[in-house]
Amino acid sequence: MGIWVWRIAHDATANHNDGDLGGFNAAQPAWTTSGAPLDPSATLISVPVAQLRAGFYASRRFEVEPTIGLFSSSGSGERFTQVQFGVGALYHFRTSRYETQPYVRGFSALQSISGSDRSTSTSPALGIGFGAKFPMGRSFAFRPELNYAHVWTDGPGDDTDNIQLLLGLSVFTD
């Protein structure tokens, strides 16, 4: 079973109406809020990391990964919360976890976003990623992944196309 315990995401959001990049759609780093220095009265929660995954091997090449993510930020009377549930399916090009394992991962997710200035919005996402698991001893593997996801929004905003770089650590149990 592999568990992601660290994620760095960088989402480039495309505005479909005029073709301009609409900014970033990912959680801001812990030291900023909306690009400004963090207000001492603000609270930022990403528990315990931006996203957790548990991998279950159906065969030596095929793995299923349910996903849960939480991001919450509040300060100066404003709040923002994002919850994500999803599932991914990995196909490993090599079967031994003791050597580098390149993989392709298809995934789907349901994202719910709420804030003090808008109503709750729930949006489905569908994507594909390419990555590799680099073993570090018997129980760990460093796991970079580059992926693309399309998010269909049900709120007032446009649909988004996200490109993400994920950096993770897989923990294996025998």
C-alpha atoms as a PDB file:
ATOM      1  CA  MET A   1       0.000   0.000   0.000  1.00  0.00           C
ATOM      2  CA  GLY A   2       1.412   3.365  -0.930  1.00  0.00           C
ATOM      3  CA  ILE A   3       0.464   6.616   0.774  1.00  0.00           C
ATOM      4  CA  TRP A   4       1.211  10.105  -0.539  1.00  0.00           C
ATOM      5  CA  VAL A   5       2.413  12.196   2.355  1.00  0.00           C
ATOM      6  CA  TRP A   6       3.564  15.316   0.584  1.00  0.00           C
ATOM      7  CA  ARG A   7       2.120  17.218  -2.331  1.00  0.00           C
ATOM      8  CA  ILE A   8       3.177  20.385  -4.081  1.00  0.00           C
ATOM      9  CA  ALA A   9       0.668  21.460  -6.688  1.00  0.00           C
ATOM     10  CA  HIS A  10       0.945  24.248  -9.201  1.00  0.00           C
ATOM     11  CA  ASP A  11      -2.282  24.669 -11.167  1.00  0.00           C
ATOM     12  CA  ALA A  12      -2.292  26.889 -14.222  1.00  0.00           C
ATOM     13  CA  THR A  13      -5.870  27.946 -14.823  1.00  0.00           C
ATOM     14  CA  ALA A  14      -6.963  28.799 -18.338  1.00  0.00           C
ATOM     15  CA  ASN A  15      -9.838  31.225 -18.906  1.00  0.00           C
ATOM     16  CA  HIS A  16     -11.879  29.727 -21.766  1.00  0.00           C
ATOM     17  CA  ASN A  17     -13.674  32.972 -22.655  1.00  0.00           C
ATOM     18  CA  ASP A  18     -10.718  35.069 -23.744  1.00  0.00           C
ATOM     19  CA  GLY A  19      -7.788  32.628 -23.820  1.00  0.00           C
ATOM     20  CA  ASP A  20      -5.830  34.442 -21.088  1.00  0.00           C
ATOM     21  CA  LEU A  21      -4.299  32.613 -18.179  1.00  0.00           C
ATOM     22  CA  GLY A  22      -6.595  33.316 -15.269  1.00  0.00           C
ATOM     23  CA  GLY A  23      -3.965  32.982 -12.544  1.00  0.00           C
ATOM     24  CA  PHE A  24      -3.389  30.029 -10.298  1.00  0.00           C
ATOM     25  CA  ASN A  25      -6.027  27.644  -8.998  1.00  0.00           C
ATOM     26  CA  ALA A  26      -3.948  25.834  -6.374  1.00  0.00           C
ATOM     27  CA  ALA A  27      -3.635  26.363  -2.655  1.00  0.00           C
ATOM     28  CA  GLN A  28      -1.222  29.203  -1.987  1.00  0.00           C
ATOM     29  CA  PRO A  29       2.014  28.385  -0.135  1.00  0.00           C
ATOM     30  CA  ALA A  30       1.706  28.546   3.662  1.00  0.00           C
ATOM     31  CA  TRP A  31       3.545  31.859   3.862  1.00  0.00           C
ATOM     32  CA  THR A  32       1.154  33.786   1.585  1.00  0.00           C
ATOM     33  CA  THR A  33      -2.566  34.373   1.177  1.00  0.00           C
ATOM     34  CA  SER A  34      -3.689  35.628  -2.237  1.00  0.00           C
ATOM     35  CA  GLY A  35      -0.106  36.628  -2.989  1.00  0.00           C
ATOM     36  CA  ALA A  36       0.191  38.907   0.090  1.00  0.00           C
ATOM     37  CA  PRO A  37       2.180  38.198   3.259  1.00  0.00           C
ATOM     38  CA  LEU A  38       0.258  36.072   5.758  1.00  0.00           C
ATOM     39  CA  ASP A  39      -1.790  38.103   8.221  1.00  0.00           C
ATOM     40  CA  PRO A  40      -0.990  37.113  11.854  1.00  0.00           C
ATOM     41  CA  SER A  41      -4.746  36.820  12.532  1.00  0.00           C
ATOM     42  CA  ALA A  42      -5.177  34.362   9.626  1.00  0.00           C
ATOM     43  CA  THR A  43      -5.443  30.596   9.963  1.00  0.00           C
ATOM     44  CA  LEU A  44      -4.295  28.205   7.247  1.00  0.00           C
ATOM     45  CA  ILE A  45      -5.037  24.474   7.539  1.00  0.00           C
ATOM     46  CA  SER A  46      -3.952  21.704   5.190  1.00  0.00           C
ATOM     47  CA  VAL A  47      -4.497  18.502   7.143  1.00  0.00           C
ATOM     48  CA  PRO A  48      -2.150  16.658   7.395  1.00  0.00           C
ATOM     49  CA  VAL A  49      -0.936  17.536   3.927  1.00  0.00           C
ATOM     50  CA  ALA A  50      -2.770  18.762   0.852  1.00  0.00           C
ATOM     51  CA  GLN A  51      -3.769  15.243  -0.201  1.00  0.00           C
ATOM     52  CA  LEU A  52      -3.629  11.657   1.070  1.00  0.00           C
ATOM     53  CA  ARG A  53      -3.818   8.565  -1.113  1.00  0.00           C
ATOM     54  CA  ALA A  54      -3.909   4.891  -0.231  1.00  0.00           C
ATOM     55  CA  GLY A  55      -2.869   2.484  -2.987  1.00  0.00           C
ATOM     56  CA  PHE A  56      -4.287  -1.025  -3.280  1.00  0.00           C
ATOM     57  CA  TYR A  57      -2.658  -3.401  -5.758  1.00  0.00           C
ATOM     58  CA  ALA A  58      -5.158  -5.372  -7.850  1.00  0.00           C
ATOM     59  CA  SER A  59      -2.231  -7.056  -9.654  1.00  0.00           C
ATOM     60  CA  ARG A  60       1.523  -6.508  -9.964  1.00  0.00           C
ATOM     61  CA  ARG A  61       0.934  -3.826 -12.620  1.00  0.00           C
ATOM     62  CA  PHE A  62      -2.444  -2.306 -11.665  1.00  0.00           C
ATOM     63  CA  GLU A  63      -3.108  -0.200  -8.548  1.00  0.00           C
ATOM     64  CA  VAL A  64      -6.257   1.624  -7.354  1.00  0.00           C
ATOM     65  CA  GLU A  65      -5.854   4.801  -5.236  1.00  0.00           C
ATOM     66  CA  PRO A  66      -8.725   6.420  -3.346  1.00  0.00           C
ATOM     67  CA  THR A  67      -7.912  10.071  -2.525  1.00  0.00           C
ATOM     68  CA  ILE A  68      -8.979  12.656   0.047  1.00  0.00           C
ATOM     69  CA  GLY A  69      -7.810  16.258   0.327  1.00  0.00           C
ATOM     70  CA  LEU A  70      -8.594  19.213   2.590  1.00  0.00           C
ATOM     71  CA  PHE A  71      -7.552  22.846   2.410  1.00  0.00           C
ATOM     72  CA  SER A  72      -8.946  25.547   4.683  1.00  0.00           C
ATOM     73  CA  SER A  73      -7.946  29.166   5.142  1.00  0.00           C
ATOM     74  CA  SER A  74      -9.467  31.931   7.254  1.00  0.00           C
ATOM     75  CA  GLY A  75      -8.550  35.404   8.414  1.00  0.00           C
ATOM     76  CA  SER A  76      -9.873  38.958   8.676  1.00  0.00           C
ATOM     77  CA  GLY A  77     -13.446  37.673   8.659  1.00  0.00           C
ATOM     78  CA  GLU A  78     -12.989  35.705   5.426  1.00  0.00           C
ATOM     79  CA  ARG A  79     -12.810  31.937   4.974  1.00  0.00           C
ATOM     80  CA  PHE A  80     -12.176  29.474   2.144  1.00  0.00           C
ATOM     81  CA  THR A  81     -12.519  25.666   2.295  1.00  0.00           C
ATOM     82  CA  GLN A  82     -11.859  23.057  -0.377  1.00  0.00           C
ATOM     83  CA  VAL A  83     -12.575  19.334   0.078  1.00  0.00           C
ATOM     84  CA  GLN A  84     -11.744  16.753  -2.564  1.00  0.00           C
ATOM     85  CA  PHE A  85     -12.619  13.058  -2.906  1.00  0.00           C
ATOM     86  CA  GLY A  86     -11.354  10.983  -5.804  1.00  0.00           C
ATOM     87  CA  VAL A  87     -10.029   7.736  -7.174  1.00  0.00           C
ATOM     88  CA  GLY A  88      -7.097   6.974  -9.427  1.00  0.00           C
ATOM     89  CA  ALA A  89      -5.966   3.915 -11.381  1.00  0.00           C
ATOM     90  CA  LEU A  90      -2.239   3.368 -11.912  1.00  0.00           C
ATOM     91  CA  TYR A  91      -0.654   1.162 -14.538  1.00  0.00           C
ATOM     92  CA  HIS A  92       2.988   0.341 -13.649  1.00  0.00           C
ATOM     93  CA  PHE A  93       5.345  -0.326 -16.572  1.00  0.00           C
ATOM     94  CA  ARG A  94       7.610  -2.378 -14.252  1.00  0.00           C
ATOM     95  CA  THR A  95       6.398  -4.799 -11.590  1.00  0.00           C
ATOM     96  CA  SER A  96       9.187  -4.631  -8.982  1.00  0.00           C
ATOM     97  CA  ARG A  97       8.852  -1.869  -6.392  1.00  0.00           C
ATOM     98  CA  TYR A  98      12.602  -2.232  -5.692  1.00  0.00           C
ATOM     99  CA  GLU A  99      13.477  -0.633  -9.049  1.00  0.00           C
ATOM    100  CA  THR A 100      12.243   2.601 -10.623  1.00  0.00           C
ATOM    101  CA  GLN A 101       8.590   2.143 -11.623  1.00  0.00           C
ATOM    102  CA  PRO A 102       7.318   4.498 -14.327  1.00  0.00           C
ATOM    103  CA  TYR A 103       3.517   4.680 -14.392  1.00  0.00           C
ATOM    104  CA  VAL A 104       0.505   6.308 -15.995  1.00  0.00           C
ATOM    105  CA  ARG A 105      -2.424   7.323 -13.752  1.00  0.00           C
ATOM    106  CA  GLY A 106      -5.957   8.124 -14.797  1.00  0.00           C
ATOM    107  CA  PHE A 107      -8.054   9.820 -12.121  1.00  0.00           C
ATOM    108  CA  SER A 108     -11.386  11.406 -11.340  1.00  0.00           C
ATOM    109  CA  ALA A 109     -12.374  13.619  -8.420  1.00  0.00           C
ATOM    110  CA  LEU A 110     -15.234  15.565  -6.925  1.00  0.00           C
ATOM    111  CA  GLN A 111     -14.216  18.968  -5.500  1.00  0.00           C
ATOM    112  CA  SER A 112     -16.372  21.024  -3.147  1.00  0.00           C
ATOM    113  CA  ILE A 113     -15.428  24.666  -2.566  1.00  0.00           C
ATOM    114  CA  SER A 114     -17.051  27.102  -0.159  1.00  0.00           C
ATOM    115  CA  GLY A 115     -16.149  30.565   1.040  1.00  0.00           C
ATOM    116  CA  SER A 116     -17.586  33.422   3.010  1.00  0.00           C
ATOM    117  CA  ASP A 117     -18.186  35.441  -0.177  1.00  0.00           C
ATOM    118  CA  ARG A 118     -19.884  32.740  -2.287  1.00  0.00           C
ATOM    119  CA  SER A 119     -22.137  29.724  -2.088  1.00  0.00           C
ATOM    120  CA  THR A 120     -20.803  26.185  -2.162  1.00  0.00           C
ATOM    121  CA  SER A 121     -19.735  24.879  -5.539  1.00  0.00           C
ATOM    122  CA  THR A 122     -19.201  21.181  -6.290  1.00  0.00           C
ATOM    123  CA  SER A 123     -17.332  20.262  -9.460  1.00  0.00           C
ATOM    124  CA  PRO A 124     -16.185  17.005 -11.070  1.00  0.00           C
ATOM    125  CA  ALA A 125     -12.659  16.625 -12.459  1.00  0.00           C
ATOM    126  CA  LEU A 126     -11.084  14.108 -14.814  1.00  0.00           C
ATOM    127  CA  GLY A 127      -7.403  13.767 -15.661  1.00  0.00           C
ATOM    128  CA  ILE A 128      -4.308  11.786 -16.535  1.00  0.00           C
ATOM    129  CA  GLY A 129      -0.798  11.828 -15.081  1.00  0.00           C
ATOM    130  CA  PHE A 130       2.633  10.408 -15.807  1.00  0.00           C
ATOM    131  CA  GLY A 131       5.167   9.712 -13.073  1.00  0.00           C
ATOM    132  CA  ALA A 132       7.616   7.303 -11.508  1.00  0.00           C
ATOM    133  CA  LYS A 133       8.290   5.722  -8.138  1.00  0.00           C
ATOM    134  CA  PHE A 134      11.984   5.930  -7.188  1.00  0.00           C
ATOM    135  CA  PRO A 135      12.752   3.442  -4.379  1.00  0.00           C
ATOM    136  CA  MET A 136      14.449   4.642  -1.189  1.00  0.00           C
ATOM    137  CA  GLY A 137      15.157   1.456   0.752  1.00  0.00           C
ATOM    138  CA  ARG A 138      12.557  -1.295   1.247  1.00  0.00           C
ATOM    139  CA  SER A 139       9.600   0.762   2.501  1.00  0.00           C
ATOM    140  CA  PHE A 140       9.722   4.156   0.770  1.00  0.00           C
ATOM    141  CA  ALA A 141       9.683   5.604  -2.735  1.00  0.00           C
ATOM    142  CA  PHE A 142       9.963   9.209  -3.945  1.00  0.00           C
ATOM    143  CA  ARG A 143       7.129   9.857  -6.387  1.00  0.00           C
ATOM    144  CA  PRO A 144       7.097  12.831  -8.793  1.00  0.00           C
ATOM    145  CA  GLU A 145       4.145  13.139 -11.182  1.00  0.00           C
ATOM    146  CA  LEU A 146       3.128  15.612 -13.864  1.00  0.00           C
ATOM    147  CA  ASN A 147      -0.597  15.594 -14.632  1.00  0.00           C
ATOM    148  CA  TYR A 148      -3.394  17.352 -16.451  1.00  0.00           C
ATOM    149  CA  ALA A 149      -6.968  17.682 -15.161  1.00  0.00           C
ATOM    150  CA  HIS A 150     -10.101  19.297 -16.548  1.00  0.00           C
ATOM    151  CA  VAL A 151     -12.567  20.631 -13.952  1.00  0.00           C
ATOM    152  CA  TRP A 152     -16.193  21.277 -14.897  1.00  0.00           C
ATOM    153  CA  THR A 153     -17.447  24.044 -12.600  1.00  0.00           C
ATOM    154  CA  ASP A 154     -21.086  24.339 -11.561  1.00  0.00           C
ATOM    155  CA  GLY A 155     -20.650  27.814 -10.113  1.00  0.00           C
ATOM    156  CA  PRO A 156     -20.299  31.202 -11.786  1.00  0.00           C
ATOM    157  CA  GLY A 157     -16.714  30.552 -12.935  1.00  0.00           C
ATOM    158  CA  ASP A 158     -15.433  29.005 -16.136  1.00  0.00           C
ATOM    159  CA  ASP A 159     -14.277  25.408 -16.456  1.00  0.00           C
ATOM    160  CA  THR A 160     -10.561  25.077 -15.719  1.00  0.00           C
ATOM    161  CA  ASP A 161      -7.642  23.151 -17.159  1.00  0.00           C
ATOM    162  CA  ASN A 162      -5.002  22.373 -14.534  1.00  0.00           C
ATOM    163  CA  ILE A 163      -1.404  21.284 -14.998  1.00  0.00           C
ATOM    164  CA  GLN A 164       0.090  20.019 -11.738  1.00  0.00           C
ATOM    165  CA  LEU A 165       3.493  18.868 -10.543  1.00  0.00           C
ATOM    166  CA  LEU A 166       3.028  16.505  -7.601  1.00  0.00           C
ATOM    167  CA  LEU A 167       5.896  15.442  -5.350  1.00  0.00           C
ATOM    168  CA  GLY A 168       5.081  12.578  -3.043  1.00  0.00           C
ATOM    169  CA  LEU A 169       6.448   9.912  -0.782  1.00  0.00           C
ATOM    170  CA  SER A 170       5.032   6.384  -1.027  1.00  0.00           C
ATOM    171  CA  VAL A 171       5.156   4.219   2.082  1.00  0.00           C
ATOM    172  CA  PHE A 172       4.876   0.459   1.519  1.00  0.00           C
ATOM    173  CA  THR A 173       3.645  -2.127   3.983  1.00  0.00           C
ATOM    174  CA  ASP A 174       4.238  -5.827   3.395  1.00  0.00           C
END
